[in-house]
Amino acid sequence: MIVYGKNPVFEAIKAGKASRVYIRKGTMLQDVTFTIPVTVMQKPEFDGRFNREAQGIAAEVEDILPISFHDAREALKEAKGVLILDRIQDPHNYGAIIRSAHCFGVNHIIVPRYHQAPITPAVCKASAGAIFYTTIIEETNLSNVCNLLKELDYTIAACDMDAPISMKDYKAKSKTALVIGAEGKGVRDGLANSADELVYIPMAGSIDSLNAAQSAAIALYELFA
């Protein structure tokens, strides 16, 4: 897999995930000393191969593969919290959510196997490299995942505009699994029914909703900061 952009590449190297770096000739990055092999490329060749948002640097990294709930179960017992994403479609939102989760200490994210944006270079760039410190857990049935998390003493809190409890007033009695719904559609009814609590983000403007990445950042701050 190829990732691009300064932050993702340097974080991939720091995390030991990168095997080769590609530098566009003429950038100041040519003066950086790397611990892995470096290929310097002429601008036309570099721009033709990598995204225009690459900032003059790209890297080969290990494929980022989701794991199953079963394989993550022991780590989840000790986790600070968990984020559940219900069908996030936009790769930039997905990456931004991963970045926010990592910033607030949540490094386990559960996603559905279908109708979810895959892990791509765009997701890695939007995450600013946080993806390399995040465990992505993939399961078909998120409602079943909620039940499994409850067995591990998690409370499931789902964001919903019509919820009865404000995020500011919500007080978790145990570890929290936060559910964020899809862009425009929110959390599916079946998954909302599996939650212990429905919470909303209070707003004062005329527009009645934030996008998924913004909602996730605010909710993560309120619950985990």
Protein backbone atom coordinates (compact mmCIF):
# COMPACT_ATOMS: atom_id res chain seq x y z
CA MET A 1 0.00 0.00 0.00
CA ILE A 2 1.21 3.53 -0.77
CA VAL A 3 0.55 6.44 1.59
CA TYR A 4 1.36 10.06 0.87
CA GLY A 5 1.74 13.35 2.72
CA LYS A 6 4.29 14.39 5.34
CA ASN A 7 2.42 13.43 8.50
CA PRO A 8 1.25 9.97 7.36
CA VAL A 9 4.68 9.08 5.96
CA PHE A 10 6.64 10.19 9.01
CA GLU A 11 4.18 8.47 11.37
CA ALA A 12 4.39 5.29 9.30
CA ILE A 13 8.18 5.37 9.60
CA LYS A 14 7.99 6.07 13.33
CA ALA A 15 5.58 3.17 13.80
CA GLY A 16 7.86 0.84 11.85
CA LYS A 17 5.28 0.31 9.10
CA ALA A 18 7.12 1.82 6.11
CA SER A 19 9.61 -0.01 3.91
CA ARG A 20 10.58 2.64 1.33
CA VAL A 21 10.22 6.40 0.92
CA TYR A 22 9.72 8.28 -2.36
CA ILE A 23 10.82 11.92 -2.51
CA ARG A 24 10.08 14.46 -5.23
CA LYS A 25 13.33 16.01 -6.39
CA GLY A 26 13.73 19.65 -5.47
CA THR A 27 11.96 19.52 -2.10
CA MET A 28 13.65 20.19 1.24
CA LEU A 29 12.83 16.59 2.16
CA GLN A 30 15.89 15.54 0.16
CA ASP A 31 17.98 16.78 3.10
CA VAL A 32 16.20 14.54 5.62
CA THR A 33 18.01 11.41 6.78
CA PHE A 34 15.75 8.37 6.67
CA THR A 35 16.27 4.98 8.27
CA ILE A 36 14.76 3.12 5.32
CA PRO A 37 15.59 3.11 1.58
CA VAL A 38 14.80 6.33 -0.31
CA THR A 39 13.99 6.83 -4.00
CA VAL A 40 14.29 10.37 -5.36
CA MET A 41 12.06 11.00 -8.37
CA GLN A 42 11.80 13.80 -10.91
CA LYS A 43 8.70 15.97 -10.47
CA PRO A 44 6.79 14.69 -13.57
CA GLU A 45 7.39 11.08 -12.58
CA PHE A 46 6.49 11.67 -8.93
CA ASP A 47 3.36 13.70 -9.69
CA GLY A 48 2.26 11.13 -12.26
CA ARG A 49 2.55 8.26 -9.81
CA PHE A 50 1.32 9.82 -6.58
CA ASN A 51 -1.56 12.04 -5.56
CA ARG A 52 -1.17 15.78 -6.09
CA GLU A 53 -1.72 16.22 -2.35
CA ALA A 54 1.37 14.13 -1.60
CA GLN A 55 3.43 17.16 -0.44
CA GLY A 56 6.45 15.74 -2.22
CA ILE A 57 6.65 12.51 -0.23
CA ALA A 58 5.12 9.04 -0.31
CA ALA A 59 5.95 5.67 1.20
CA GLU A 60 5.32 1.98 0.82
CA VAL A 61 3.70 0.63 3.98
CA GLU A 62 2.32 -2.64 5.22
CA ASP A 63 -1.31 -3.18 4.28
CA ILE A 64 -3.60 -2.04 7.09
CA LEU A 65 -6.00 -4.91 7.65
CA PRO A 66 -8.96 -4.96 10.05
CA ILE A 67 -9.12 -7.70 12.66
CA SER A 68 -12.08 -9.52 14.17
CA PHE A 69 -13.74 -8.76 17.50
CA HIS A 70 -12.54 -12.14 18.76
CA ASP A 71 -8.92 -11.22 18.05
CA ALA A 72 -9.33 -7.82 19.72
CA ARG A 73 -11.28 -9.05 22.75
CA GLU A 74 -8.41 -9.13 25.24
CA ALA A 75 -7.18 -5.66 24.24
CA LEU A 76 -10.73 -4.30 24.51
CA LYS A 77 -10.91 -5.43 28.13
CA GLU A 78 -8.17 -2.93 28.95
CA ALA A 79 -9.08 -0.17 26.48
CA LYS A 80 -10.02 3.34 27.61
CA GLY A 81 -13.04 3.27 25.32
CA VAL A 82 -14.24 2.14 21.92
CA LEU A 83 -15.64 3.96 18.90
CA ILE A 84 -18.25 2.27 16.70
CA LEU A 85 -18.80 3.73 13.23
CA ASP A 86 -22.06 2.86 11.49
CA ARG A 87 -21.35 2.97 7.73
CA ILE A 88 -19.10 6.01 7.29
CA GLN A 89 -18.83 6.47 3.53
CA ASP A 90 -16.54 9.47 3.05
CA PRO A 91 -12.82 8.58 3.33
CA HIS A 92 -11.94 12.07 4.55
CA ASN A 93 -14.53 11.83 7.34
CA TYR A 94 -13.27 8.35 8.19
CA GLY A 95 -9.68 9.53 8.43
CA ALA A 96 -10.59 12.64 10.41
CA ILE A 97 -12.55 10.52 12.89
CA ILE A 98 -9.57 8.18 13.35
CA ARG A 99 -7.39 11.22 14.01
CA SER A 100 -9.79 12.64 16.61
CA ALA A 101 -10.21 9.27 18.32
CA HIS A 102 -6.46 8.84 18.67
CA CYS A 103 -6.08 12.39 20.04
CA PHE A 104 -8.54 11.55 22.83
CA GLY A 105 -7.01 8.17 23.64
CA VAL A 106 -9.45 5.91 21.80
CA ASN A 107 -7.40 3.54 19.67
CA HIS A 108 -9.95 0.82 18.90
CA ILE A 109 -12.54 1.51 16.21
CA ILE A 110 -15.23 -0.98 15.17
CA VAL A 111 -16.71 -0.77 11.68
CA PRO A 112 -19.19 -2.86 9.67
CA ARG A 113 -17.86 -5.24 7.05
CA TYR A 114 -20.14 -3.78 4.38
CA HIS A 115 -21.15 -0.23 3.37
CA GLN A 116 -18.11 1.25 5.11
CA ALA A 117 -15.31 3.23 3.47
CA PRO A 118 -12.24 0.98 3.10
CA ILE A 119 -8.81 1.90 4.41
CA THR A 120 -7.18 3.83 1.57
CA PRO A 121 -4.32 6.32 1.13
CA ALA A 122 -6.91 9.12 1.41
CA VAL A 123 -8.05 7.76 4.77
CA CYS A 124 -4.45 7.51 5.96
CA LYS A 125 -3.72 11.10 4.94
CA ALA A 126 -6.89 12.46 6.57
CA SER A 127 -5.93 10.60 9.75
CA ALA A 128 -2.55 12.44 9.76
CA GLY A 129 -0.93 9.08 10.46
CA ALA A 130 -3.12 8.18 13.45
CA ILE A 131 -4.26 5.09 11.52
CA PHE A 132 -0.87 3.50 12.28
CA TYR A 133 -1.65 3.53 16.00
CA THR A 134 -5.28 2.45 15.66
CA THR A 135 -6.78 -1.03 15.68
CA ILE A 136 -9.63 -1.32 13.18
CA ILE A 137 -12.08 -4.07 14.10
CA GLU A 138 -14.47 -5.29 11.41
CA GLU A 139 -17.67 -7.25 12.03
CA THR A 140 -20.83 -7.93 10.04
CA ASN A 141 -23.37 -7.38 12.83
CA LEU A 142 -22.77 -4.25 14.92
CA SER A 143 -25.77 -4.95 17.15
CA ASN A 144 -24.16 -8.22 18.14
CA VAL A 145 -20.92 -6.34 18.75
CA CYS A 146 -22.78 -4.11 21.23
CA ASN A 147 -23.90 -7.18 23.16
CA LEU A 148 -20.34 -8.52 23.22
CA LEU A 149 -19.06 -5.17 24.50
CA LYS A 150 -21.67 -5.17 27.27
CA GLU A 151 -20.21 -8.50 28.40
CA LEU A 152 -16.92 -6.62 28.80
CA ASP A 153 -18.63 -4.00 31.02
CA TYR A 154 -19.07 -1.35 28.32
CA THR A 155 -21.99 1.05 28.21
CA ILE A 156 -23.14 1.76 24.64
CA ALA A 157 -23.87 5.43 23.95
CA ALA A 158 -25.20 6.31 20.48
CA CYS A 159 -25.32 9.84 19.08
CA ASP A 160 -28.78 10.81 17.85
CA MET A 161 -30.24 14.27 17.18
CA ASP A 162 -33.54 13.27 18.80
CA ALA A 163 -31.98 11.70 21.90
CA PRO A 164 -33.33 12.57 25.36
CA ILE A 165 -29.96 13.17 27.02
CA SER A 166 -27.47 15.93 26.23
CA MET A 167 -23.88 14.86 25.73
CA LYS A 168 -22.94 17.39 28.44
CA ASP A 169 -25.25 15.71 30.95
CA TYR A 170 -24.34 12.13 30.11
CA LYS A 171 -22.32 10.35 32.78
CA ALA A 172 -21.11 6.87 31.93
CA LYS A 173 -21.24 4.29 34.71
CA SER A 174 -18.59 2.13 33.06
CA LYS A 175 -16.34 2.08 30.04
CA THR A 176 -18.04 3.63 27.04
CA ALA A 177 -18.49 2.50 23.46
CA LEU A 178 -19.52 5.56 21.44
CA VAL A 179 -21.61 5.03 18.28
CA ILE A 180 -21.44 7.54 15.42
CA GLY A 181 -23.82 7.12 12.48
CA ALA A 182 -23.44 7.57 8.75
CA GLU A 183 -23.34 10.92 6.99
CA GLY A 184 -26.91 12.14 6.55
CA LYS A 185 -28.59 8.97 7.84
CA GLY A 186 -27.29 8.68 11.38
CA VAL A 187 -27.30 5.50 13.43
CA ARG A 188 -29.54 2.74 12.10
CA ASP A 189 -32.61 1.92 14.21
CA GLY A 190 -31.48 -1.61 15.01
CA LEU A 191 -28.14 -0.40 16.29
CA ALA A 192 -29.73 2.46 18.22
CA ASN A 193 -31.99 -0.08 19.91
CA SER A 194 -28.90 -1.98 21.04
CA ALA A 195 -27.50 1.10 22.79
CA ASP A 196 -27.89 1.67 26.52
CA GLU A 197 -28.25 5.43 26.04
CA LEU A 198 -29.04 7.82 23.19
CA VAL A 199 -27.29 11.19 23.51
CA TYR A 200 -27.33 14.38 21.47
CA ILE A 201 -24.90 17.24 20.95
CA PRO A 202 -26.60 20.53 21.92
CA MET A 203 -26.43 23.19 19.20
CA ALA A 204 -27.54 26.82 18.95
CA GLY A 205 -27.39 27.56 15.22
CA SER A 206 -30.04 27.39 12.51
CA ILE A 207 -28.43 24.35 10.89
CA ASP A 208 -29.55 21.29 12.80
CA SER A 209 -26.65 18.92 12.21
CA LEU A 210 -22.87 18.55 12.08
CA ASN A 211 -21.09 16.18 9.75
CA ALA A 212 -19.94 12.81 11.07
CA ALA A 213 -16.34 13.86 11.67
CA GLN A 214 -17.33 17.00 13.58
CA SER A 215 -19.86 15.11 15.68
CA ALA A 216 -17.33 12.43 16.49
CA ALA A 217 -14.70 14.97 17.56
CA ILE A 218 -17.11 16.76 19.92
CA ALA A 219 -18.49 13.53 21.39
CA LEU A 220 -15.00 12.06 21.86
CA TYR A 221 -13.92 15.21 23.67
CA GLU A 222 -16.95 15.17 25.96
CA LEU A 223 -16.58 11.48 26.84
CA PHE A 224 -12.86 10.88 26.86
CA ALA A 225 -10.92 14.14 27.30
